[in-house]
Amino acid sequence: MEKEKPLREKLLAAASEAFVRKGFHRATIAGICERVKANITAVNYYFGTRDALYQETWWHCLTESMRKHPPDGDISPDAPAEERLRGQMRALTERLTDPETKDFFISQMEIVNPTGLLREAMHKELNPLWEKALSVVRELLRPDAGEQKIYFCGSCIASVCIQPMLMLRMRQNFGGGTGDGRP
């Protein structure tokens, strides 16, 4: 028999669903608590404030996502640049297609409708991943490639992974298609 999750974990899971589907501004403490049959005072007890719940939810989701899908794709740092880039993009694609990972979609909601509550955390955690990807792109391009070209190439590569997966997850979560990528 599976052991029941502690209430704090249940609240984080319910909050992640709410923040992905509704964003920070439309998700309510009452709705989150209702999903796990908890009193709203549980949020105050475990997190203090709604803002803190939002921040902790994102951190929790990111930690779980990175544990499950290491950003380097389990490729050695000594591997050739092509292999490291392939590993990074595979890990990103796996994160995006895994229905249990929510950090990316909470981040997207934050970008679309910013609260400012995740700005520092996202910068601290996501910028190093981006810089690591750009360093591999830098290795693959000519030595005289400018930073703008490196940035654009990195953005194009990441977009090839992100855009189709984002559209698929949006269809799965919000309807508007078969859920398998077909309209």
N, C-alpha and C. Protein backbone atom coordinates (compact mmCIF):
# COMPACT_ATOMS: atom_id res chain seq x y z
N MET A 1 0.84 -1.18 0.00
CA MET A 1 0.00 0.00 0.00
C MET A 1 0.89 1.25 0.00
N GLU A 2 0.59 2.18 -0.88
CA GLU A 2 1.38 3.40 -1.00
C GLU A 2 1.08 4.33 0.16
N LYS A 3 2.17 4.85 0.74
CA LYS A 3 2.03 5.78 1.86
C LYS A 3 1.47 7.11 1.35
N GLU A 4 0.54 7.67 2.10
CA GLU A 4 -0.08 8.93 1.72
C GLU A 4 0.94 10.07 1.85
N LYS A 5 0.91 10.98 0.88
CA LYS A 5 1.82 12.12 0.91
C LYS A 5 1.46 13.05 2.06
N PRO A 6 2.48 13.69 2.64
CA PRO A 6 2.19 14.70 3.68
C PRO A 6 1.39 15.86 3.07
N LEU A 7 0.66 16.55 3.91
CA LEU A 7 -0.20 17.65 3.45
C LEU A 7 0.60 18.71 2.70
N ARG A 8 1.79 19.02 3.16
CA ARG A 8 2.61 20.04 2.49
C ARG A 8 2.85 19.65 1.03
N GLU A 9 3.18 18.38 0.80
CA GLU A 9 3.41 17.88 -0.56
C GLU A 9 2.13 17.94 -1.40
N LYS A 10 1.02 17.60 -0.78
CA LYS A 10 -0.26 17.67 -1.49
C LYS A 10 -0.58 19.11 -1.89
N LEU A 11 -0.32 20.04 -0.99
CA LEU A 11 -0.56 21.46 -1.30
C LEU A 11 0.32 21.92 -2.45
N LEU A 12 1.59 21.52 -2.45
CA LEU A 12 2.50 21.89 -3.54
C LEU A 12 2.02 21.31 -4.87
N ALA A 13 1.56 20.06 -4.86
CA ALA A 13 1.06 19.43 -6.08
C ALA A 13 -0.19 20.15 -6.59
N ALA A 14 -1.11 20.44 -5.69
CA ALA A 14 -2.34 21.14 -6.09
C ALA A 14 -2.02 22.56 -6.56
N ALA A 15 -1.10 23.22 -5.90
CA ALA A 15 -0.71 24.58 -6.29
C ALA A 15 -0.05 24.57 -7.67
N SER A 16 0.78 23.57 -7.94
CA SER A 16 1.44 23.52 -9.25
C SER A 16 0.40 23.39 -10.36
N GLU A 17 -0.59 22.55 -10.15
CA GLU A 17 -1.67 22.41 -11.15
C GLU A 17 -2.41 23.74 -11.32
N ALA A 18 -2.74 24.37 -10.23
CA ALA A 18 -3.49 25.64 -10.28
C ALA A 18 -2.68 26.73 -10.97
N PHE A 19 -1.40 26.84 -10.64
CA PHE A 19 -0.58 27.91 -11.22
C PHE A 19 -0.30 27.66 -12.70
N VAL A 20 -0.21 26.40 -13.11
CA VAL A 20 -0.03 26.10 -14.54
C VAL A 20 -1.31 26.44 -15.30
N ARG A 21 -2.43 26.02 -14.79
CA ARG A 21 -3.70 26.21 -15.50
C ARG A 21 -4.23 27.64 -15.44
N LYS A 22 -4.05 28.30 -14.31
CA LYS A 22 -4.68 29.61 -14.12
C LYS A 22 -3.70 30.76 -13.98
N GLY A 23 -2.45 30.47 -13.69
CA GLY A 23 -1.51 31.53 -13.40
C GLY A 23 -1.67 32.00 -11.96
N PHE A 24 -0.75 32.81 -11.51
CA PHE A 24 -0.76 33.27 -10.13
C PHE A 24 -2.00 34.09 -9.81
N HIS A 25 -2.36 35.00 -10.71
CA HIS A 25 -3.43 35.95 -10.42
C HIS A 25 -4.81 35.31 -10.31
N ARG A 26 -5.06 34.23 -11.05
CA ARG A 26 -6.39 33.62 -11.03
C ARG A 26 -6.48 32.40 -10.12
N ALA A 27 -5.36 31.82 -9.76
CA ALA A 27 -5.38 30.67 -8.84
C ALA A 27 -5.68 31.18 -7.44
N THR A 28 -6.51 30.45 -6.73
CA THR A 28 -6.88 30.89 -5.38
C THR A 28 -6.44 29.87 -4.35
N ILE A 29 -6.16 30.37 -3.15
CA ILE A 29 -5.82 29.50 -2.03
C ILE A 29 -6.99 28.55 -1.75
N ALA A 30 -8.20 29.08 -1.79
CA ALA A 30 -9.38 28.25 -1.53
C ALA A 30 -9.47 27.10 -2.54
N GLY A 31 -9.24 27.40 -3.81
CA GLY A 31 -9.29 26.36 -4.84
C GLY A 31 -8.21 25.31 -4.66
N ILE A 32 -7.01 25.76 -4.30
CA ILE A 32 -5.90 24.84 -4.06
C ILE A 32 -6.22 23.93 -2.88
N CYS A 33 -6.69 24.52 -1.81
CA CYS A 33 -7.01 23.75 -0.60
C CYS A 33 -8.18 22.80 -0.83
N GLU A 34 -9.14 23.23 -1.61
CA GLU A 34 -10.29 22.39 -1.90
C GLU A 34 -9.87 21.10 -2.61
N ARG A 35 -8.88 21.21 -3.51
CA ARG A 35 -8.41 20.03 -4.26
C ARG A 35 -7.85 18.95 -3.35
N VAL A 36 -7.26 19.36 -2.22
CA VAL A 36 -6.65 18.38 -1.32
C VAL A 36 -7.42 18.24 -0.01
N LYS A 37 -8.61 18.83 0.00
CA LYS A 37 -9.48 18.75 1.19
C LYS A 37 -8.76 19.24 2.45
N ALA A 38 -8.15 20.41 2.32
CA ALA A 38 -7.43 21.01 3.44
C ALA A 38 -8.06 22.35 3.79
N ASN A 39 -7.91 22.74 5.02
CA ASN A 39 -8.35 24.05 5.48
C ASN A 39 -7.37 25.09 4.93
N ILE A 40 -7.86 26.27 4.59
CA ILE A 40 -6.97 27.29 4.02
C ILE A 40 -5.88 27.73 5.00
N THR A 41 -6.08 27.50 6.27
CA THR A 41 -5.02 27.85 7.23
C THR A 41 -3.78 26.99 7.04
N ALA A 42 -3.92 25.86 6.34
CA ALA A 42 -2.76 25.00 6.08
C ALA A 42 -1.72 25.73 5.23
N VAL A 43 -2.17 26.56 4.30
CA VAL A 43 -1.23 27.33 3.48
C VAL A 43 -0.47 28.31 4.36
N ASN A 44 -1.17 28.98 5.25
CA ASN A 44 -0.49 29.89 6.17
C ASN A 44 0.51 29.14 7.05
N TYR A 45 0.13 27.97 7.52
CA TYR A 45 0.99 27.19 8.40
C TYR A 45 2.27 26.75 7.68
N TYR A 46 2.13 26.20 6.47
CA TYR A 46 3.29 25.65 5.76
C TYR A 46 4.09 26.68 4.98
N PHE A 47 3.42 27.72 4.48
CA PHE A 47 4.09 28.65 3.57
C PHE A 47 4.05 30.10 4.02
N GLY A 48 3.14 30.45 4.87
CA GLY A 48 3.04 31.82 5.35
C GLY A 48 2.12 32.68 4.52
N THR A 49 2.42 32.80 3.23
CA THR A 49 1.62 33.66 2.35
C THR A 49 1.39 32.97 1.01
N ARG A 50 0.47 33.51 0.26
CA ARG A 50 0.21 33.02 -1.10
C ARG A 50 1.44 33.22 -1.97
N ASP A 51 2.10 34.36 -1.81
CA ASP A 51 3.33 34.64 -2.57
C ASP A 51 4.38 33.57 -2.29
N ALA A 52 4.56 33.25 -1.01
CA ALA A 52 5.55 32.24 -0.64
C ALA A 52 5.17 30.86 -1.18
N LEU A 53 3.87 30.56 -1.19
CA LEU A 53 3.41 29.29 -1.77
C LEU A 53 3.78 29.23 -3.25
N TYR A 54 3.58 30.32 -3.96
CA TYR A 54 3.90 30.39 -5.39
C TYR A 54 5.39 30.16 -5.61
N GLN A 55 6.21 30.86 -4.85
CA GLN A 55 7.66 30.71 -4.99
C GLN A 55 8.10 29.30 -4.65
N GLU A 56 7.61 28.78 -3.56
CA GLU A 56 7.99 27.43 -3.13
C GLU A 56 7.50 26.38 -4.13
N THR A 57 6.34 26.60 -4.71
CA THR A 57 5.81 25.67 -5.71
C THR A 57 6.74 25.63 -6.91
N TRP A 58 7.17 26.79 -7.39
CA TRP A 58 8.08 26.82 -8.54
C TRP A 58 9.39 26.12 -8.20
N TRP A 59 9.98 26.43 -7.05
CA TRP A 59 11.23 25.79 -6.63
C TRP A 59 11.07 24.28 -6.56
N HIS A 60 9.98 23.84 -5.96
CA HIS A 60 9.71 22.41 -5.82
C HIS A 60 9.60 21.75 -7.19
N CYS A 61 8.84 22.37 -8.09
CA CYS A 61 8.67 21.82 -9.44
C CYS A 61 9.99 21.79 -10.19
N LEU A 62 10.77 22.86 -10.09
CA LEU A 62 12.07 22.91 -10.77
C LEU A 62 13.00 21.83 -10.24
N THR A 63 13.07 21.68 -8.93
CA THR A 63 13.95 20.67 -8.33
C THR A 63 13.57 19.27 -8.80
N GLU A 64 12.29 18.97 -8.78
CA GLU A 64 11.83 17.66 -9.23
C GLU A 64 12.12 17.45 -10.72
N SER A 65 11.89 18.47 -11.51
CA SER A 65 12.13 18.39 -12.94
C SER A 65 13.61 18.15 -13.25
N MET A 66 14.48 18.88 -12.58
CA MET A 66 15.92 18.73 -12.81
C MET A 66 16.44 17.38 -12.29
N ARG A 67 15.84 16.90 -11.23
CA ARG A 67 16.23 15.59 -10.71
C ARG A 67 15.85 14.50 -11.72
N LYS A 68 14.67 14.61 -12.24
CA LYS A 68 14.16 13.61 -13.17
C LYS A 68 14.80 13.71 -14.55
N HIS A 69 15.09 14.93 -14.97
CA HIS A 69 15.65 15.18 -16.31
C HIS A 69 16.86 16.11 -16.18
N PRO A 70 18.02 15.56 -15.81
CA PRO A 70 19.21 16.42 -15.63
C PRO A 70 19.47 17.25 -16.89
N PRO A 71 19.74 18.54 -16.72
CA PRO A 71 19.86 19.46 -17.86
C PRO A 71 20.94 19.09 -18.87
N ASP A 72 21.96 18.35 -18.43
CA ASP A 72 23.01 17.96 -19.37
C ASP A 72 22.67 16.67 -20.11
N GLY A 73 21.52 16.09 -19.82
CA GLY A 73 21.11 14.86 -20.48
C GLY A 73 21.99 13.68 -20.11
N ASP A 74 22.65 13.77 -18.96
CA ASP A 74 23.58 12.73 -18.49
C ASP A 74 24.74 12.50 -19.46
N ILE A 75 25.13 13.55 -20.15
CA ILE A 75 26.27 13.48 -21.07
C ILE A 75 27.48 14.06 -20.35
N SER A 76 28.60 13.42 -20.49
CA SER A 76 29.84 13.86 -19.84
C SER A 76 30.25 15.24 -20.32
N PRO A 77 30.77 16.08 -19.42
CA PRO A 77 31.27 17.40 -19.85
C PRO A 77 32.47 17.29 -20.79
N ASP A 78 33.09 16.12 -20.85
CA ASP A 78 34.23 15.91 -21.74
C ASP A 78 33.82 15.41 -23.12
N ALA A 79 32.54 15.14 -23.32
CA ALA A 79 32.05 14.66 -24.61
C ALA A 79 32.18 15.76 -25.66
N PRO A 80 32.18 15.40 -26.94
CA PRO A 80 32.23 16.42 -27.99
C PRO A 80 31.03 17.37 -27.88
N ALA A 81 31.22 18.58 -28.37
CA ALA A 81 30.19 19.62 -28.27
C ALA A 81 28.85 19.18 -28.88
N GLU A 82 28.90 18.49 -30.02
CA GLU A 82 27.66 18.05 -30.66
C GLU A 82 26.87 17.12 -29.73
N GLU A 83 27.58 16.23 -29.07
CA GLU A 83 26.93 15.28 -28.16
C GLU A 83 26.36 15.99 -26.93
N ARG A 84 27.10 16.97 -26.41
CA ARG A 84 26.61 17.72 -25.24
C ARG A 84 25.37 18.53 -25.60
N LEU A 85 25.38 19.16 -26.78
CA LEU A 85 24.21 19.92 -27.21
C LEU A 85 23.01 18.99 -27.40
N ARG A 86 23.23 17.85 -28.01
CA ARG A 86 22.16 16.88 -28.20
C ARG A 86 21.60 16.44 -26.85
N GLY A 87 22.47 16.20 -25.88
CA GLY A 87 22.02 15.82 -24.54
C GLY A 87 21.20 16.91 -23.87
N GLN A 88 21.65 18.16 -24.00
CA GLN A 88 20.91 19.27 -23.41
C GLN A 88 19.52 19.42 -24.03
N MET A 89 19.46 19.32 -25.35
CA MET A 89 18.17 19.48 -26.03
C MET A 89 17.26 18.29 -25.78
N ARG A 90 17.83 17.09 -25.68
CA ARG A 90 17.01 15.91 -25.35
C ARG A 90 16.42 16.07 -23.94
N ALA A 91 17.25 16.53 -23.00
CA ALA A 91 16.76 16.73 -21.62
C ALA A 91 15.66 17.78 -21.59
N LEU A 92 15.83 18.86 -22.34
CA LEU A 92 14.81 19.90 -22.40
C LEU A 92 13.51 19.34 -22.98
N THR A 93 13.62 18.60 -24.06
CA THR A 93 12.44 18.01 -24.70
C THR A 93 11.75 17.03 -23.75
N GLU A 94 12.53 16.23 -23.04
CA GLU A 94 11.95 15.28 -22.09
C GLU A 94 11.23 16.01 -20.96
N ARG A 95 11.83 17.11 -20.48
CA ARG A 95 11.17 17.92 -19.44
C ARG A 95 9.83 18.44 -19.93
N LEU A 96 9.82 18.93 -21.15
CA LEU A 96 8.61 19.55 -21.69
C LEU A 96 7.51 18.54 -21.99
N THR A 97 7.89 17.32 -22.35
CA THR A 97 6.88 16.32 -22.70
C THR A 97 6.43 15.50 -21.51
N ASP A 98 7.11 15.61 -20.40
CA ASP A 98 6.74 14.87 -19.20
C ASP A 98 5.55 15.56 -18.54
N PRO A 99 4.40 14.92 -18.49
CA PRO A 99 3.22 15.58 -17.92
C PRO A 99 3.36 15.89 -16.43
N GLU A 100 4.33 15.29 -15.78
CA GLU A 100 4.52 15.56 -14.35
C GLU A 100 5.38 16.79 -14.08
N THR A 101 6.09 17.30 -15.08
CA THR A 101 6.92 18.48 -14.86
C THR A 101 6.10 19.74 -15.10
N LYS A 102 6.21 20.67 -14.18
CA LYS A 102 5.37 21.87 -14.24
C LYS A 102 6.18 23.17 -14.21
N ASP A 103 7.46 23.10 -13.86
CA ASP A 103 8.24 24.33 -13.68
C ASP A 103 8.26 25.19 -14.93
N PHE A 104 8.43 24.57 -16.09
CA PHE A 104 8.53 25.33 -17.33
C PHE A 104 7.23 26.10 -17.59
N PHE A 105 6.12 25.46 -17.32
CA PHE A 105 4.83 26.09 -17.61
C PHE A 105 4.47 27.16 -16.59
N ILE A 106 4.89 26.98 -15.36
CA ILE A 106 4.73 28.06 -14.38
C ILE A 106 5.60 29.24 -14.80
N SER A 107 6.81 28.95 -15.27
CA SER A 107 7.71 30.02 -15.76
C SER A 107 7.08 30.75 -16.94
N GLN A 108 6.46 30.00 -17.86
CA GLN A 108 5.82 30.63 -19.01
C GLN A 108 4.66 31.52 -18.58
N MET A 109 3.88 31.06 -17.62
CA MET A 109 2.79 31.90 -17.10
C MET A 109 3.35 33.17 -16.46
N GLU A 110 4.48 33.03 -15.79
CA GLU A 110 5.12 34.18 -15.15
C GLU A 110 5.62 35.18 -16.19
N ILE A 111 6.12 34.68 -17.30
CA ILE A 111 6.61 35.56 -18.37
C ILE A 111 5.43 36.29 -19.02
N VAL A 112 4.35 35.58 -19.27
CA VAL A 112 3.18 36.16 -19.93
C VAL A 112 2.47 37.16 -19.03
N ASN A 113 2.37 36.84 -17.74
CA ASN A 113 1.65 37.69 -16.79
C ASN A 113 2.50 37.83 -15.53
N PRO A 114 3.54 38.65 -15.57
CA PRO A 114 4.53 38.69 -14.49
C PRO A 114 4.00 39.18 -13.15
N THR A 115 4.50 38.53 -12.11
CA THR A 115 4.23 38.97 -10.74
C THR A 115 5.47 39.60 -10.14
N GLY A 116 6.63 39.25 -10.69
CA GLY A 116 7.90 39.68 -10.11
C GLY A 116 8.37 38.76 -9.00
N LEU A 117 7.52 37.85 -8.57
CA LEU A 117 7.84 36.98 -7.44
C LEU A 117 8.88 35.91 -7.79
N LEU A 118 9.00 35.58 -9.07
CA LEU A 118 9.95 34.55 -9.48
C LEU A 118 11.16 35.12 -10.22
N ARG A 119 11.20 36.42 -10.42
CA ARG A 119 12.25 37.04 -11.24
C ARG A 119 13.64 36.63 -10.77
N GLU A 120 13.93 36.83 -9.51
CA GLU A 120 15.27 36.54 -8.99
C GLU A 120 15.58 35.05 -9.06
N ALA A 121 14.63 34.23 -8.66
CA ALA A 121 14.85 32.77 -8.67
C ALA A 121 15.04 32.25 -10.09
N MET A 122 14.23 32.72 -11.02
CA MET A 122 14.36 32.28 -12.40
C MET A 122 15.71 32.71 -12.96
N HIS A 123 16.11 33.93 -12.67
CA HIS A 123 17.40 34.42 -13.14
C HIS A 123 18.53 33.56 -12.58
N LYS A 124 18.47 33.30 -11.29
CA LYS A 124 19.53 32.53 -10.62
C LYS A 124 19.62 31.10 -11.13
N GLU A 125 18.49 30.48 -11.38
CA GLU A 125 18.47 29.06 -11.76
C GLU A 125 18.51 28.82 -13.26
N LEU A 126 17.85 29.64 -14.04
CA LEU A 126 17.72 29.37 -15.47
C LEU A 126 18.82 29.99 -16.31
N ASN A 127 19.33 31.15 -15.91
CA ASN A 127 20.40 31.77 -16.70
C ASN A 127 21.65 30.90 -16.82
N PRO A 128 22.10 30.23 -15.75
CA PRO A 128 23.26 29.35 -15.91
C PRO A 128 23.00 28.21 -16.91
N LEU A 129 21.78 27.70 -16.96
CA LEU A 129 21.47 26.65 -17.94
C LEU A 129 21.56 27.20 -19.36
N TRP A 130 21.04 28.41 -19.54
CA TRP A 130 21.09 29.07 -20.84
C TRP A 130 22.54 29.35 -21.23
N GLU A 131 23.33 29.86 -20.30
CA GLU A 131 24.74 30.15 -20.58
C GLU A 131 25.51 28.89 -20.93
N LYS A 132 25.18 27.79 -20.27
CA LYS A 132 25.84 26.51 -20.57
C LYS A 132 25.50 26.07 -21.99
N ALA A 133 24.25 26.22 -22.39
CA ALA A 133 23.85 25.87 -23.76
C ALA A 133 24.57 26.77 -24.77
N LEU A 134 24.64 28.07 -24.46
CA LEU A 134 25.32 28.99 -25.37
C LEU A 134 26.81 28.69 -25.48
N SER A 135 27.41 28.22 -24.41
CA SER A 135 28.84 27.90 -24.47
C SER A 135 29.09 26.74 -25.43
N VAL A 136 28.16 25.80 -25.49
CA VAL A 136 28.29 24.68 -26.44
C VAL A 136 28.08 25.20 -27.86
N VAL A 137 27.10 26.06 -28.07
CA VAL A 137 26.88 26.65 -29.39
C VAL A 137 28.12 27.43 -29.82
N ARG A 138 28.70 28.17 -28.90
CA ARG A 138 29.92 28.93 -29.16
C ARG A 138 31.03 28.01 -29.66
N GLU A 139 31.16 26.84 -29.04
CA GLU A 139 32.17 25.86 -29.47
C GLU A 139 31.92 25.36 -30.88
N LEU A 140 30.65 25.23 -31.25
CA LEU A 140 30.30 24.66 -32.55
C LEU A 140 30.42 25.67 -33.69
N LEU A 141 30.33 26.95 -33.39
CA LEU A 141 30.43 27.98 -34.43
C LEU A 141 31.88 28.37 -34.67
N ARG A 142 32.09 29.13 -35.72
CA ARG A 142 33.44 29.63 -36.03
C ARG A 142 33.97 30.44 -34.85
N PRO A 143 35.28 30.48 -34.69
CA PRO A 143 35.85 31.26 -33.59
C PRO A 143 35.52 32.75 -33.66
N ASP A 144 35.27 33.27 -34.85
CA ASP A 144 34.99 34.70 -34.98
C ASP A 144 33.48 35.02 -34.94
N ALA A 145 32.66 34.03 -34.62
CA ALA A 145 31.21 34.28 -34.53
C ALA A 145 30.95 35.26 -33.39
N GLY A 146 30.18 36.27 -33.67
CA GLY A 146 29.87 37.26 -32.65
C GLY A 146 28.85 36.75 -31.64
N GLU A 147 28.75 37.46 -30.52
CA GLU A 147 27.83 37.05 -29.46
C GLU A 147 26.38 37.08 -29.92
N GLN A 148 26.03 38.03 -30.79
CA GLN A 148 24.66 38.09 -31.27
C GLN A 148 24.32 36.85 -32.09
N LYS A 149 25.24 36.42 -32.95
CA LYS A 149 25.02 35.22 -33.76
C LYS A 149 24.90 33.99 -32.86
N ILE A 150 25.75 33.91 -31.85
CA ILE A 150 25.71 32.79 -30.91
C ILE A 150 24.36 32.77 -30.20
N TYR A 151 23.92 33.93 -29.75
CA TYR A 151 22.62 34.04 -29.06
C TYR A 151 21.48 33.62 -29.98
N PHE A 152 21.47 34.13 -31.22
CA PHE A 152 20.40 33.79 -32.16
C PHE A 152 20.40 32.30 -32.48
N CYS A 153 21.58 31.73 -32.70
CA CYS A 153 21.66 30.28 -32.99
C CYS A 153 21.16 29.47 -31.80
N GLY A 154 21.56 29.85 -30.61
CA GLY A 154 21.09 29.16 -29.40
C GLY A 154 19.59 29.26 -29.26
N SER A 155 19.05 30.45 -29.52
CA SER A 155 17.60 30.65 -29.43
C SER A 155 16.86 29.81 -30.45
N CYS A 156 17.39 29.73 -31.66
CA CYS A 156 16.74 28.91 -32.70
C CYS A 156 16.74 27.44 -32.31
N ILE A 157 17.87 26.96 -31.81
CA ILE A 157 17.97 25.55 -31.42
C ILE A 157 16.98 25.24 -30.29
N ALA A 158 16.96 26.08 -29.28
CA ALA A 158 16.05 25.86 -28.15
C ALA A 158 14.59 25.96 -28.60
N SER A 159 14.30 26.89 -29.50
CA SER A 159 12.92 27.08 -29.98
C SER A 159 12.40 25.85 -30.70
N VAL A 160 13.28 25.17 -31.42
CA VAL A 160 12.87 23.95 -32.12
C VAL A 160 12.37 22.91 -31.13
N CYS A 161 12.95 22.88 -29.95
CA CYS A 161 12.50 21.95 -28.90
C CYS A 161 11.27 22.48 -28.18
N ILE A 162 11.30 23.75 -27.86
CA ILE A 162 10.28 24.32 -26.97
C ILE A 162 8.93 24.51 -27.66
N GLN A 163 8.90 25.11 -28.82
CA GLN A 163 7.63 25.50 -29.43
C GLN A 163 6.68 24.33 -29.69
N PRO A 164 7.12 23.26 -30.35
CA PRO A 164 6.17 22.15 -30.57
C PRO A 164 5.69 21.52 -29.27
N MET A 165 6.59 21.38 -28.31
CA MET A 165 6.22 20.77 -27.04
C MET A 165 5.27 21.66 -26.25
N LEU A 166 5.50 22.96 -26.32
CA LEU A 166 4.63 23.90 -25.64
C LEU A 166 3.22 23.83 -26.23
N MET A 167 3.14 23.78 -27.55
CA MET A 167 1.83 23.69 -28.20
C MET A 167 1.13 22.38 -27.85
N LEU A 168 1.87 21.28 -27.82
CA LEU A 168 1.29 19.99 -27.47
C LEU A 168 0.75 20.01 -26.04
N ARG A 169 1.56 20.51 -25.10
CA ARG A 169 1.11 20.54 -23.70
C ARG A 169 -0.08 21.47 -23.53
N MET A 170 -0.09 22.58 -24.26
CA MET A 170 -1.23 23.49 -24.16
C MET A 170 -2.50 22.80 -24.66
N ARG A 171 -2.39 22.05 -25.75
CA ARG A 171 -3.56 21.33 -26.26
C ARG A 171 -4.02 20.27 -25.27
N GLN A 172 -3.06 19.58 -24.67
CA GLN A 172 -3.41 18.54 -23.70
C GLN A 172 -4.08 19.15 -22.47
N ASN A 173 -3.56 20.29 -22.01
CA ASN A 173 -4.07 20.91 -20.79
C ASN A 173 -5.34 21.71 -21.00
N PHE A 174 -5.47 22.34 -22.16
CA PHE A 174 -6.56 23.29 -22.36
C PHE A 174 -7.51 22.92 -23.49
N GLY A 175 -7.32 21.76 -24.09
CA GLY A 175 -8.20 21.33 -25.17
C GLY A 175 -7.79 21.94 -26.49
N GLY A 176 -8.58 21.72 -27.50
CA GLY A 176 -8.29 22.30 -28.81
C GLY A 176 -7.52 21.36 -29.70
N GLY A 177 -7.70 20.09 -29.57
CA GLY A 177 -7.02 19.15 -30.43
C GLY A 177 -7.10 17.76 -29.83
N THR A 178 -6.39 16.85 -30.45
CA THR A 178 -6.44 15.46 -30.01
C THR A 178 -5.53 15.19 -28.84
N GLY A 179 -4.62 16.11 -28.54
CA GLY A 179 -3.67 15.88 -27.45
C GLY A 179 -2.43 15.15 -27.91
N ASP A 180 -2.42 14.69 -29.17
CA ASP A 180 -1.25 13.99 -29.68
C ASP A 180 -0.49 14.83 -30.71
N GLY A 181 -0.78 16.12 -30.75
CA GLY A 181 -0.08 17.01 -31.66
C GLY A 181 -0.85 17.31 -32.92
N ARG A 182 -1.91 16.55 -33.19
CA ARG A 182 -2.72 16.81 -34.38
C ARG A 182 -3.81 17.82 -34.05
N PRO A 183 -4.14 18.71 -34.97
CA PRO A 183 -5.21 19.68 -34.73
C PRO A 183 -6.58 19.03 -34.62
